[in-house]
């Protein structure tokens, strides 16, 4: 009985120490992080856009972490005015930091490319606005409709050249495409006073 009790207490102590070191302490440390000034929580539409971003696997080719000077050339590339800070991610319950950069970092895409028309055209067919892009197209986030059937509340996407729809038709953004755009516009870094 004594030996079984000692084994049980040893296992219980090991589990308790593991939980404390791996879950409790980090949780307490993260709870003390304040949002970076200018960072706000997501709206319903922005959360929906983040779900589309995750579903489509954007994290596999894009990061959302600008490395500070001395740790890479992100700032020299114009990917952000400063390195990423822990407070930038306070409202993320699923962080989208990424690991590969097949495409550019998106942490400050709202500052670099805020045009809704450009972003939607890029999602519909990336090569229509970025010749040579290796990004896949997401035409299923859009509808091609006859011009006469487009409601005033719908958002049309200006596509020209080889990727334009047939004469008399237009590309219309779905709610998912618009939500994805709204999520991308949350990815904007604010200058932070270092003093």
N, C-alpha and C. Protein backbone atom coordinates (compact mmCIF):
# COMPACT_ATOMS: atom_id res chain seq x y z
N UNK A 1 0.82 -1.19 0.00
CA UNK A 1 0.00 0.00 0.00
C UNK A 1 0.87 1.25 0.00
N UNK A 2 1.94 1.26 0.78
CA UNK A 2 2.80 2.42 0.86
C UNK A 2 3.51 2.67 -0.47
N UNK A 3 3.96 1.61 -1.11
CA UNK A 3 4.65 1.76 -2.38
C UNK A 3 3.71 2.31 -3.47
N UNK A 4 2.49 1.83 -3.55
CA UNK A 4 1.51 2.31 -4.52
C UNK A 4 1.18 3.78 -4.26
N UNK A 5 1.08 4.14 -2.98
CA UNK A 5 0.80 5.53 -2.62
C UNK A 5 1.94 6.44 -3.06
N UNK A 6 3.19 6.02 -2.87
CA UNK A 6 4.34 6.82 -3.29
C UNK A 6 4.39 6.97 -4.81
N UNK A 7 4.08 5.91 -5.54
CA UNK A 7 4.05 6.00 -7.01
C UNK A 7 2.96 6.96 -7.45
N UNK A 8 1.78 6.85 -6.83
CA UNK A 8 0.68 7.75 -7.16
C UNK A 8 1.07 9.20 -6.88
N UNK A 9 1.64 9.48 -5.71
CA UNK A 9 2.01 10.85 -5.35
C UNK A 9 3.12 11.38 -6.27
N UNK A 10 4.06 10.52 -6.65
CA UNK A 10 5.12 10.93 -7.57
C UNK A 10 4.55 11.29 -8.94
N UNK A 11 3.63 10.47 -9.45
CA UNK A 11 3.00 10.74 -10.74
C UNK A 11 2.16 12.02 -10.66
N UNK A 12 1.42 12.17 -9.56
CA UNK A 12 0.59 13.36 -9.38
C UNK A 12 1.47 14.62 -9.32
N UNK A 13 2.57 14.56 -8.61
CA UNK A 13 3.48 15.71 -8.51
C UNK A 13 4.08 16.04 -9.88
N UNK A 14 4.44 15.03 -10.65
CA UNK A 14 5.01 15.27 -11.98
C UNK A 14 3.99 15.94 -12.90
N UNK A 15 2.74 15.47 -12.85
CA UNK A 15 1.68 16.07 -13.67
C UNK A 15 1.41 17.50 -13.21
N UNK A 16 1.36 17.72 -11.91
CA UNK A 16 1.11 19.06 -11.38
C UNK A 16 2.23 20.03 -11.77
N UNK A 17 3.48 19.59 -11.67
CA UNK A 17 4.60 20.46 -12.04
C UNK A 17 4.58 20.75 -13.55
N UNK A 18 4.26 19.73 -14.35
CA UNK A 18 4.18 19.94 -15.80
C UNK A 18 3.08 20.93 -16.14
N UNK A 19 1.92 20.78 -15.54
CA UNK A 19 0.81 21.69 -15.80
C UNK A 19 1.19 23.11 -15.40
N UNK A 20 1.81 23.26 -14.25
CA UNK A 20 2.21 24.59 -13.78
C UNK A 20 3.23 25.22 -14.72
N UNK A 21 4.24 24.47 -15.12
CA UNK A 21 5.30 25.02 -15.97
C UNK A 21 4.86 25.26 -17.41
N UNK A 22 4.01 24.39 -17.94
CA UNK A 22 3.66 24.47 -19.35
C UNK A 22 2.33 25.17 -19.65
N UNK A 23 1.46 25.30 -18.67
CA UNK A 23 0.16 25.91 -18.92
C UNK A 23 -0.13 27.11 -18.02
N UNK A 24 0.00 26.94 -16.73
CA UNK A 24 -0.40 27.98 -15.80
C UNK A 24 0.51 29.21 -15.86
N UNK A 25 1.82 29.02 -15.74
CA UNK A 25 2.75 30.15 -15.75
C UNK A 25 2.68 30.93 -17.07
N UNK A 26 2.73 30.27 -18.25
CA UNK A 26 2.61 31.04 -19.50
C UNK A 26 1.27 31.77 -19.61
N UNK A 27 0.21 31.15 -19.14
CA UNK A 27 -1.10 31.80 -19.20
C UNK A 27 -1.12 33.07 -18.35
N UNK A 28 -0.54 33.01 -17.18
CA UNK A 28 -0.47 34.19 -16.31
C UNK A 28 0.41 35.28 -16.92
N UNK A 29 1.50 34.87 -17.56
CA UNK A 29 2.38 35.85 -18.21
C UNK A 29 1.68 36.54 -19.37
N UNK A 30 0.95 35.77 -20.19
CA UNK A 30 0.26 36.34 -21.34
C UNK A 30 -0.92 37.21 -20.94
N UNK A 31 -1.53 36.92 -19.82
CA UNK A 31 -2.68 37.70 -19.37
C UNK A 31 -2.28 39.13 -19.02
N UNK A 32 -1.01 39.35 -18.73
CA UNK A 32 -0.54 40.68 -18.35
C UNK A 32 -0.17 41.55 -19.55
N UNK A 33 -0.20 41.00 -20.76
CA UNK A 33 0.19 41.77 -21.95
C UNK A 33 -0.94 42.71 -22.34
N UNK A 34 -0.60 43.97 -22.50
CA UNK A 34 -1.57 44.99 -22.92
C UNK A 34 -1.58 45.08 -24.44
N UNK A 35 -2.74 45.39 -25.04
CA UNK A 35 -2.76 45.56 -26.50
C UNK A 35 -1.88 46.73 -26.93
N UNK A 36 -1.24 46.58 -28.08
CA UNK A 36 -0.47 47.68 -28.65
C UNK A 36 -1.45 48.80 -28.97
N UNK A 37 -1.10 50.06 -28.69
CA UNK A 37 -2.02 51.17 -29.01
C UNK A 37 -2.48 51.10 -30.47
N UNK A 38 -3.78 51.27 -30.67
CA UNK A 38 -4.35 51.20 -32.01
C UNK A 38 -4.89 49.82 -32.36
N UNK A 39 -4.58 48.81 -31.54
CA UNK A 39 -5.07 47.46 -31.78
C UNK A 39 -6.47 47.33 -31.20
N UNK A 40 -7.40 46.82 -31.99
CA UNK A 40 -8.77 46.64 -31.51
C UNK A 40 -9.21 45.20 -31.71
N UNK A 41 -10.26 44.82 -31.01
CA UNK A 41 -10.80 43.48 -31.15
C UNK A 41 -11.51 43.36 -32.50
N UNK A 42 -11.71 42.15 -32.97
CA UNK A 42 -12.32 41.92 -34.27
C UNK A 42 -13.83 42.10 -34.23
N UNK A 43 -14.38 42.62 -35.33
CA UNK A 43 -15.82 42.66 -35.52
C UNK A 43 -16.27 41.29 -36.01
N UNK A 44 -17.58 41.09 -36.10
CA UNK A 44 -18.10 39.81 -36.61
C UNK A 44 -17.57 39.53 -38.01
N UNK A 45 -17.62 40.53 -38.88
CA UNK A 45 -17.19 40.34 -40.26
C UNK A 45 -15.68 40.04 -40.34
N UNK A 46 -14.88 40.72 -39.51
CA UNK A 46 -13.44 40.47 -39.50
C UNK A 46 -13.13 39.06 -38.99
N UNK A 47 -13.88 38.59 -38.00
CA UNK A 47 -13.70 37.21 -37.51
C UNK A 47 -14.05 36.19 -38.60
N UNK A 48 -15.11 36.48 -39.33
CA UNK A 48 -15.48 35.61 -40.45
C UNK A 48 -14.35 35.59 -41.48
N UNK A 49 -13.77 36.76 -41.77
CA UNK A 49 -12.66 36.84 -42.71
C UNK A 49 -11.45 36.07 -42.22
N UNK A 50 -11.21 36.10 -40.93
CA UNK A 50 -10.08 35.34 -40.38
C UNK A 50 -10.33 33.84 -40.54
N UNK A 51 -11.58 33.42 -40.37
CA UNK A 51 -11.91 32.00 -40.58
C UNK A 51 -11.68 31.60 -42.04
N UNK A 52 -12.02 32.47 -42.98
CA UNK A 52 -11.76 32.19 -44.40
C UNK A 52 -10.25 32.11 -44.63
N UNK A 53 -9.49 33.04 -44.03
CA UNK A 53 -8.03 33.06 -44.14
C UNK A 53 -7.45 31.73 -43.65
N UNK A 54 -7.95 31.26 -42.53
CA UNK A 54 -7.47 29.99 -41.97
C UNK A 54 -7.89 28.81 -42.85
N UNK A 55 -9.15 28.81 -43.28
CA UNK A 55 -9.67 27.71 -44.09
C UNK A 55 -8.90 27.57 -45.41
N UNK A 56 -8.56 28.69 -46.01
CA UNK A 56 -7.88 28.66 -47.31
C UNK A 56 -6.38 28.40 -47.19
N UNK A 57 -5.87 28.33 -45.97
CA UNK A 57 -4.47 27.98 -45.76
C UNK A 57 -3.49 29.09 -46.07
N UNK A 58 -3.92 30.33 -45.95
CA UNK A 58 -3.03 31.47 -46.25
C UNK A 58 -1.78 31.45 -45.38
N UNK A 59 -1.89 30.88 -44.19
CA UNK A 59 -0.77 30.82 -43.24
C UNK A 59 0.39 30.00 -43.80
N UNK A 60 0.13 29.11 -44.76
CA UNK A 60 1.19 28.27 -45.29
C UNK A 60 2.17 29.04 -46.17
N UNK A 61 1.74 30.18 -46.70
CA UNK A 61 2.63 30.95 -47.59
C UNK A 61 2.92 32.36 -47.07
N UNK A 62 2.15 32.83 -46.11
CA UNK A 62 2.32 34.18 -45.59
C UNK A 62 2.52 34.15 -44.08
N UNK A 63 3.44 34.96 -43.61
CA UNK A 63 3.61 35.14 -42.17
C UNK A 63 2.88 36.40 -41.75
N UNK A 64 2.76 36.57 -40.44
CA UNK A 64 2.22 37.80 -39.87
C UNK A 64 3.11 38.22 -38.70
N UNK A 65 4.37 38.34 -38.98
CA UNK A 65 5.33 38.74 -37.95
C UNK A 65 6.50 39.46 -38.60
N UNK A 66 6.56 40.75 -38.40
CA UNK A 66 7.66 41.55 -38.95
C UNK A 66 8.83 41.48 -37.99
N UNK A 67 9.94 40.96 -38.49
CA UNK A 67 11.13 40.84 -37.64
C UNK A 67 11.80 42.21 -37.51
N UNK A 68 12.26 42.54 -36.31
CA UNK A 68 12.92 43.84 -36.11
C UNK A 68 14.29 43.87 -36.79
N UNK A 69 14.81 45.08 -36.97
CA UNK A 69 16.15 45.23 -37.55
C UNK A 69 17.14 44.38 -36.77
N UNK A 70 18.05 43.79 -37.48
CA UNK A 70 19.04 42.93 -36.86
C UNK A 70 18.64 41.47 -36.89
N UNK A 71 17.36 41.19 -37.19
CA UNK A 71 16.87 39.80 -37.25
C UNK A 71 16.35 39.44 -38.63
N UNK A 72 16.61 40.27 -39.60
CA UNK A 72 16.15 40.02 -40.96
C UNK A 72 15.94 41.33 -41.68
N UNK A 73 15.51 41.23 -42.92
CA UNK A 73 15.35 42.44 -43.74
C UNK A 73 13.90 42.85 -43.91
N UNK A 74 13.02 42.43 -43.02
CA UNK A 74 11.59 42.72 -43.16
C UNK A 74 11.30 44.21 -43.23
N UNK A 75 11.91 44.99 -42.37
CA UNK A 75 11.64 46.43 -42.34
C UNK A 75 12.26 47.10 -43.58
N UNK A 76 13.39 46.61 -44.04
CA UNK A 76 14.00 47.15 -45.27
C UNK A 76 13.12 46.86 -46.49
N UNK A 77 12.40 45.76 -46.45
CA UNK A 77 11.49 45.41 -47.55
C UNK A 77 10.21 46.23 -47.51
N UNK A 78 10.00 46.97 -46.43
CA UNK A 78 8.78 47.76 -46.30
C UNK A 78 7.60 46.97 -45.78
N UNK A 79 7.86 45.87 -45.10
CA UNK A 79 6.78 45.04 -44.59
C UNK A 79 6.19 45.57 -43.29
N UNK A 80 6.78 46.60 -42.73
CA UNK A 80 6.24 47.20 -41.51
C UNK A 80 7.17 48.27 -41.00
N UNK A 81 6.63 49.24 -40.24
CA UNK A 81 7.45 50.33 -39.73
C UNK A 81 8.26 49.95 -38.49
N UNK A 82 7.95 48.77 -37.92
CA UNK A 82 8.64 48.31 -36.71
C UNK A 82 8.49 46.80 -36.64
N UNK A 83 9.22 46.21 -35.72
CA UNK A 83 9.07 44.77 -35.50
C UNK A 83 7.77 44.48 -34.77
N UNK A 84 7.28 43.28 -34.92
CA UNK A 84 6.05 42.87 -34.25
C UNK A 84 6.26 42.85 -32.74
N UNK A 85 5.17 43.14 -32.02
CA UNK A 85 5.20 43.16 -30.56
C UNK A 85 4.15 42.18 -30.02
N UNK A 86 4.33 41.65 -28.82
CA UNK A 86 3.32 40.73 -28.27
C UNK A 86 1.93 41.35 -28.21
N UNK A 87 1.83 42.64 -27.96
CA UNK A 87 0.53 43.31 -27.88
C UNK A 87 -0.22 43.36 -29.19
N UNK A 88 0.48 43.12 -30.30
CA UNK A 88 -0.18 43.09 -31.61
C UNK A 88 -1.13 41.91 -31.73
N UNK A 89 -0.94 40.88 -30.91
CA UNK A 89 -1.67 39.63 -31.04
C UNK A 89 -2.64 39.36 -29.89
N UNK A 90 -2.89 40.35 -29.05
CA UNK A 90 -3.72 40.15 -27.86
C UNK A 90 -5.10 39.62 -28.21
N UNK A 91 -5.70 40.08 -29.29
CA UNK A 91 -7.06 39.68 -29.63
C UNK A 91 -7.13 38.44 -30.51
N UNK A 92 -5.99 37.85 -30.81
CA UNK A 92 -5.98 36.63 -31.62
C UNK A 92 -6.12 35.42 -30.72
N UNK A 93 -7.18 34.65 -30.92
CA UNK A 93 -7.31 33.42 -30.15
C UNK A 93 -6.65 32.26 -30.90
N UNK A 94 -6.45 32.42 -32.20
CA UNK A 94 -5.65 31.50 -32.99
C UNK A 94 -4.66 32.37 -33.74
N UNK A 95 -3.42 32.35 -33.32
CA UNK A 95 -2.41 33.20 -33.93
C UNK A 95 -2.07 32.69 -35.33
N UNK A 96 -1.89 33.62 -36.26
CA UNK A 96 -1.59 33.28 -37.64
C UNK A 96 -0.17 33.74 -38.00
N UNK A 97 0.80 33.44 -37.13
CA UNK A 97 2.16 33.92 -37.34
C UNK A 97 2.79 33.33 -38.58
N UNK A 98 2.53 32.08 -38.88
CA UNK A 98 3.10 31.44 -40.07
C UNK A 98 4.55 31.05 -39.87
N UNK A 99 5.05 30.26 -40.80
CA UNK A 99 6.44 29.82 -40.72
C UNK A 99 7.18 30.00 -42.03
N UNK A 100 6.46 30.06 -43.16
CA UNK A 100 7.11 30.18 -44.47
C UNK A 100 6.73 31.50 -45.11
N UNK A 101 7.58 31.95 -46.00
CA UNK A 101 7.30 33.18 -46.73
C UNK A 101 7.42 32.93 -48.23
N UNK A 102 6.52 32.15 -48.74
CA UNK A 102 6.44 32.02 -50.19
C UNK A 102 5.94 33.34 -50.74
N UNK A 103 5.01 33.96 -50.02
CA UNK A 103 4.50 35.29 -50.34
C UNK A 103 4.99 36.26 -49.28
N UNK A 104 4.72 37.55 -49.45
CA UNK A 104 5.20 38.54 -48.48
C UNK A 104 4.49 38.43 -47.13
N UNK A 105 5.14 38.98 -46.11
CA UNK A 105 4.52 39.05 -44.80
C UNK A 105 3.30 39.96 -44.89
N UNK A 106 2.23 39.60 -44.18
CA UNK A 106 0.98 40.35 -44.25
C UNK A 106 0.67 41.17 -43.00
N UNK A 107 1.58 41.21 -42.03
CA UNK A 107 1.25 41.89 -40.78
C UNK A 107 0.90 43.37 -40.96
N UNK A 108 1.40 44.03 -41.98
CA UNK A 108 1.09 45.44 -42.21
C UNK A 108 0.51 45.67 -43.60
N UNK A 109 -0.21 44.67 -44.13
CA UNK A 109 -0.74 44.78 -45.49
C UNK A 109 -1.76 45.91 -45.63
N UNK A 110 -2.47 46.24 -44.56
CA UNK A 110 -3.47 47.31 -44.64
C UNK A 110 -2.83 48.66 -44.90
N UNK A 111 -1.61 48.87 -44.45
CA UNK A 111 -0.90 50.12 -44.73
C UNK A 111 -0.29 50.10 -46.13
N UNK A 112 0.21 48.94 -46.52
CA UNK A 112 0.90 48.84 -47.81
C UNK A 112 -0.06 48.81 -48.99
N UNK A 113 -1.21 48.16 -48.83
CA UNK A 113 -2.13 48.00 -49.95
C UNK A 113 -3.58 48.02 -49.45
N UNK A 114 -4.09 49.21 -49.10
CA UNK A 114 -5.45 49.29 -48.54
C UNK A 114 -6.58 49.26 -49.57
N UNK A 115 -6.28 49.31 -50.86
CA UNK A 115 -7.31 49.38 -51.90
C UNK A 115 -8.17 48.12 -51.92
N UNK A 116 -9.48 48.30 -51.70
CA UNK A 116 -10.39 47.16 -51.74
C UNK A 116 -10.42 46.55 -53.13
N UNK A 117 -10.46 47.39 -54.17
CA UNK A 117 -10.48 46.87 -55.54
C UNK A 117 -9.25 46.01 -55.82
N UNK A 118 -8.06 46.49 -55.40
CA UNK A 118 -6.83 45.74 -55.63
C UNK A 118 -6.87 44.41 -54.89
N UNK A 119 -7.24 44.46 -53.61
CA UNK A 119 -7.25 43.23 -52.80
C UNK A 119 -8.22 42.20 -53.36
N UNK A 120 -9.42 42.64 -53.75
CA UNK A 120 -10.41 41.69 -54.28
C UNK A 120 -9.96 41.14 -55.63
N UNK A 121 -9.40 41.99 -56.49
CA UNK A 121 -8.88 41.50 -57.77
C UNK A 121 -7.75 40.51 -57.53
N UNK A 122 -6.92 40.78 -56.54
CA UNK A 122 -5.80 39.90 -56.20
C UNK A 122 -6.30 38.55 -55.71
N UNK A 123 -7.37 38.55 -54.93
CA UNK A 123 -7.93 37.28 -54.46
C UNK A 123 -8.59 36.50 -55.60
N UNK A 124 -9.28 37.21 -56.48
CA UNK A 124 -9.96 36.56 -57.60
C UNK A 124 -8.94 35.95 -58.57
N UNK A 125 -7.93 36.73 -58.94
CA UNK A 125 -6.88 36.26 -59.85
C UNK A 125 -5.62 37.08 -59.58
N UNK A 126 -4.71 36.57 -58.75
CA UNK A 126 -3.51 37.32 -58.37
C UNK A 126 -2.71 37.87 -59.55
N UNK A 127 -2.61 37.11 -60.65
CA UNK A 127 -1.81 37.56 -61.78
C UNK A 127 -2.44 38.73 -62.53
N UNK A 128 -3.70 39.07 -62.21
CA UNK A 128 -4.32 40.23 -62.86
C UNK A 128 -3.74 41.54 -62.32
N UNK A 129 -3.20 41.52 -61.12
CA UNK A 129 -2.60 42.73 -60.53
C UNK A 129 -1.12 42.55 -60.20
N UNK A 130 -0.66 41.31 -60.12
CA UNK A 130 0.75 41.02 -59.82
C UNK A 130 1.26 39.97 -60.81
N UNK A 131 1.64 40.40 -62.01
CA UNK A 131 2.12 39.43 -63.01
C UNK A 131 3.26 38.57 -62.43
N UNK A 132 3.19 37.28 -62.69
CA UNK A 132 4.22 36.37 -62.20
C UNK A 132 3.97 35.84 -60.80
N UNK A 133 2.89 36.25 -60.15
CA UNK A 133 2.57 35.79 -58.80
C UNK A 133 2.35 34.28 -58.81
N UNK A 134 2.80 33.61 -57.74
CA UNK A 134 2.59 32.17 -57.61
C UNK A 134 1.40 31.85 -56.71
N UNK A 135 0.74 32.90 -56.22
CA UNK A 135 -0.41 32.70 -55.34
C UNK A 135 -1.56 32.06 -56.12
N UNK A 136 -2.24 31.08 -55.51
CA UNK A 136 -3.39 30.49 -56.20
C UNK A 136 -4.54 31.49 -56.28
N UNK A 137 -5.38 31.33 -57.28
CA UNK A 137 -6.58 32.16 -57.42
C UNK A 137 -7.70 31.56 -56.57
N UNK A 138 -8.62 32.42 -56.13
CA UNK A 138 -9.76 31.99 -55.33
C UNK A 138 -11.06 32.43 -56.00
N UNK A 139 -11.31 31.99 -57.24
CA UNK A 139 -12.50 32.45 -57.95
C UNK A 139 -13.80 32.00 -57.30
N UNK A 140 -13.77 30.94 -56.50
CA UNK A 140 -14.98 30.46 -55.84
C UNK A 140 -15.44 31.38 -54.71
N UNK A 141 -14.62 32.39 -54.37
CA UNK A 141 -15.05 33.41 -53.41
C UNK A 141 -15.79 34.54 -54.12
N UNK A 142 -16.04 34.37 -55.40
CA UNK A 142 -16.68 35.40 -56.23
C UNK A 142 -17.74 34.75 -57.11
N UNK A 143 -18.59 35.57 -57.68
CA UNK A 143 -19.58 35.11 -58.66
C UNK A 143 -19.41 35.93 -59.93
N UNK A 144 -19.57 35.29 -61.06
CA UNK A 144 -19.60 36.01 -62.32
C UNK A 144 -21.07 36.12 -62.71
N UNK A 145 -21.56 37.36 -62.85
CA UNK A 145 -22.97 37.61 -63.11
C UNK A 145 -23.12 38.49 -64.35
N UNK A 146 -24.30 38.42 -64.93
CA UNK A 146 -24.65 39.38 -65.97
C UNK A 146 -24.78 40.76 -65.32
N UNK A 147 -24.31 41.78 -66.00
CA UNK A 147 -24.34 43.14 -65.44
C UNK A 147 -25.74 43.54 -65.00
N UNK A 148 -26.74 43.15 -65.76
CA UNK A 148 -28.12 43.53 -65.46
C UNK A 148 -28.66 42.89 -64.19
N UNK A 149 -28.01 41.81 -63.71
CA UNK A 149 -28.49 41.09 -62.53
C UNK A 149 -27.81 41.54 -61.24
N UNK A 150 -26.87 42.47 -61.33
CA UNK A 150 -26.12 42.90 -60.15
C UNK A 150 -26.95 43.92 -59.36
N UNK A 151 -27.13 43.63 -58.07
CA UNK A 151 -27.86 44.55 -57.19
C UNK A 151 -26.95 45.71 -56.80
N UNK A 152 -27.55 46.83 -56.45
CA UNK A 152 -26.77 48.02 -56.07
C UNK A 152 -25.92 47.76 -54.84
N UNK A 153 -26.35 46.86 -53.97
CA UNK A 153 -25.61 46.59 -52.72
C UNK A 153 -24.42 45.67 -52.94
N UNK A 154 -24.32 45.03 -54.10
CA UNK A 154 -23.23 44.10 -54.36
C UNK A 154 -21.97 44.84 -54.80
N UNK A 155 -20.84 44.26 -54.48
CA UNK A 155 -19.54 44.86 -54.80
C UNK A 155 -18.97 44.17 -56.04
N UNK A 156 -18.77 44.95 -57.09
CA UNK A 156 -18.15 44.39 -58.30
C UNK A 156 -16.65 44.61 -58.24
N UNK A 157 -15.94 43.71 -58.88
CA UNK A 157 -14.48 43.73 -58.85
C UNK A 157 -13.98 44.08 -60.26
N UNK A 158 -13.19 45.15 -60.38
CA UNK A 158 -12.68 45.51 -61.71
C UNK A 158 -11.55 44.57 -62.15
N UNK A 159 -11.87 43.72 -63.12
CA UNK A 159 -10.89 42.79 -63.69
C UNK A 159 -10.78 43.12 -65.17
N UNK A 160 -9.56 43.29 -65.65
CA UNK A 160 -9.38 43.61 -67.06
C UNK A 160 -8.36 42.66 -67.67
N UNK A 161 -8.21 42.78 -68.98
CA UNK A 161 -7.21 41.98 -69.68
C UNK A 161 -7.63 40.54 -69.83
N UNK A 162 -6.65 39.65 -69.77
CA UNK A 162 -6.88 38.22 -70.01
C UNK A 162 -7.80 37.58 -68.98
N UNK A 163 -7.92 38.17 -67.81
CA UNK A 163 -8.68 37.55 -66.72
C UNK A 163 -10.09 38.12 -66.59
N UNK A 164 -10.44 39.06 -67.44
CA UNK A 164 -11.77 39.69 -67.38
C UNK A 164 -12.85 38.69 -67.77
N UNK A 165 -14.04 38.83 -67.17
CA UNK A 165 -15.14 37.94 -67.56
C UNK A 165 -15.61 38.29 -68.97
N UNK A 166 -16.42 37.43 -69.56
CA UNK A 166 -16.93 37.72 -70.91
C UNK A 166 -17.71 39.03 -70.96
N UNK A 167 -17.82 39.57 -72.15
CA UNK A 167 -18.54 40.83 -72.37
C UNK A 167 -19.94 40.76 -71.77
N UNK A 168 -20.32 41.82 -71.04
CA UNK A 168 -21.65 41.88 -70.43
C UNK A 168 -21.73 41.23 -69.06
N UNK A 169 -20.62 40.69 -68.58
CA UNK A 169 -20.60 40.06 -67.26
C UNK A 169 -19.59 40.76 -66.37
N UNK A 170 -19.82 40.65 -65.06
CA UNK A 170 -18.93 41.25 -64.08
C UNK A 170 -18.64 40.25 -62.97
N UNK A 171 -17.53 40.48 -62.27
CA UNK A 171 -17.16 39.66 -61.12
C UNK A 171 -17.72 40.34 -59.87
N UNK A 172 -18.45 39.59 -59.06
CA UNK A 172 -19.07 40.12 -57.85
C UNK A 172 -18.49 39.40 -56.65
N UNK A 173 -18.07 40.15 -55.65
CA UNK A 173 -17.49 39.58 -54.43
C UNK A 173 -18.59 38.98 -53.55
N UNK A 174 -18.35 37.78 -53.04
CA UNK A 174 -19.29 37.17 -52.09
C UNK A 174 -19.03 37.76 -50.70
N UNK A 175 -19.90 37.41 -49.77
CA UNK A 175 -19.72 37.87 -48.39
C UNK A 175 -18.39 37.38 -47.82
N UNK A 176 -17.99 36.16 -48.18
CA UNK A 176 -16.71 35.62 -47.69
C UNK A 176 -15.53 36.42 -48.22
N UNK A 177 -15.56 36.79 -49.48
CA UNK A 177 -14.47 37.59 -50.07
C UNK A 177 -14.39 38.94 -49.38
N UNK A 178 -15.54 39.57 -49.14
CA UNK A 178 -15.55 40.88 -48.47
C UNK A 178 -15.08 40.76 -47.03
N UNK A 179 -15.46 39.67 -46.36
CA UNK A 179 -15.02 39.46 -44.97
C UNK A 179 -13.51 39.23 -44.94
N UNK A 180 -12.97 38.50 -45.90
CA UNK A 180 -11.53 38.28 -45.96
C UNK A 180 -10.81 39.61 -46.17
N UNK A 181 -11.35 40.46 -47.02
CA UNK A 181 -10.77 41.80 -47.19
C UNK A 181 -10.79 42.56 -45.86
N UNK A 182 -11.91 42.52 -45.15
CA UNK A 182 -12.01 43.23 -43.86
C UNK A 182 -10.99 42.69 -42.87
N UNK A 183 -10.78 41.38 -42.85
CA UNK A 183 -9.76 40.82 -41.97
C UNK A 183 -8.37 41.31 -42.36
N UNK A 184 -8.06 41.32 -43.65
CA UNK A 184 -6.75 41.80 -44.08
C UNK A 184 -6.53 43.25 -43.68
N UNK A 185 -7.59 44.05 -43.64
CA UNK A 185 -7.45 45.46 -43.26
C UNK A 185 -7.24 45.64 -41.76
N UNK A 186 -7.40 44.57 -40.97
CA UNK A 186 -7.04 44.66 -39.55
C UNK A 186 -5.55 44.50 -39.35
N UNK A 187 -4.86 44.02 -40.38
CA UNK A 187 -3.42 43.77 -40.29
C UNK A 187 -2.68 45.05 -40.62
N UNK A 188 -2.67 45.94 -39.65
CA UNK A 188 -2.02 47.24 -39.80
C UNK A 188 -1.24 47.54 -38.53
N UNK A 189 0.02 47.87 -38.70
CA UNK A 189 0.88 48.16 -37.55
C UNK A 189 0.90 49.66 -37.28
N UNK A 190 0.72 50.00 -36.03
CA UNK A 190 0.79 51.40 -35.62
C UNK A 190 2.19 51.67 -35.10
N UNK A 191 2.67 52.89 -35.37
CA UNK A 191 3.95 53.30 -34.78
C UNK A 191 3.78 53.32 -33.25
N UNK A 192 4.78 52.90 -32.54
CA UNK A 192 4.73 52.87 -31.08
C UNK A 192 5.80 53.77 -30.54
N UNK A 193 5.44 54.60 -29.57
CA UNK A 193 6.39 55.49 -28.92
C UNK A 193 7.27 54.65 -28.00
N UNK A 194 8.57 54.65 -28.24
CA UNK A 194 9.50 53.83 -27.46
C UNK A 194 9.91 54.46 -26.14
N UNK A 195 9.46 55.67 -25.89
CA UNK A 195 9.90 56.33 -24.66
C UNK A 195 9.15 55.90 -23.44
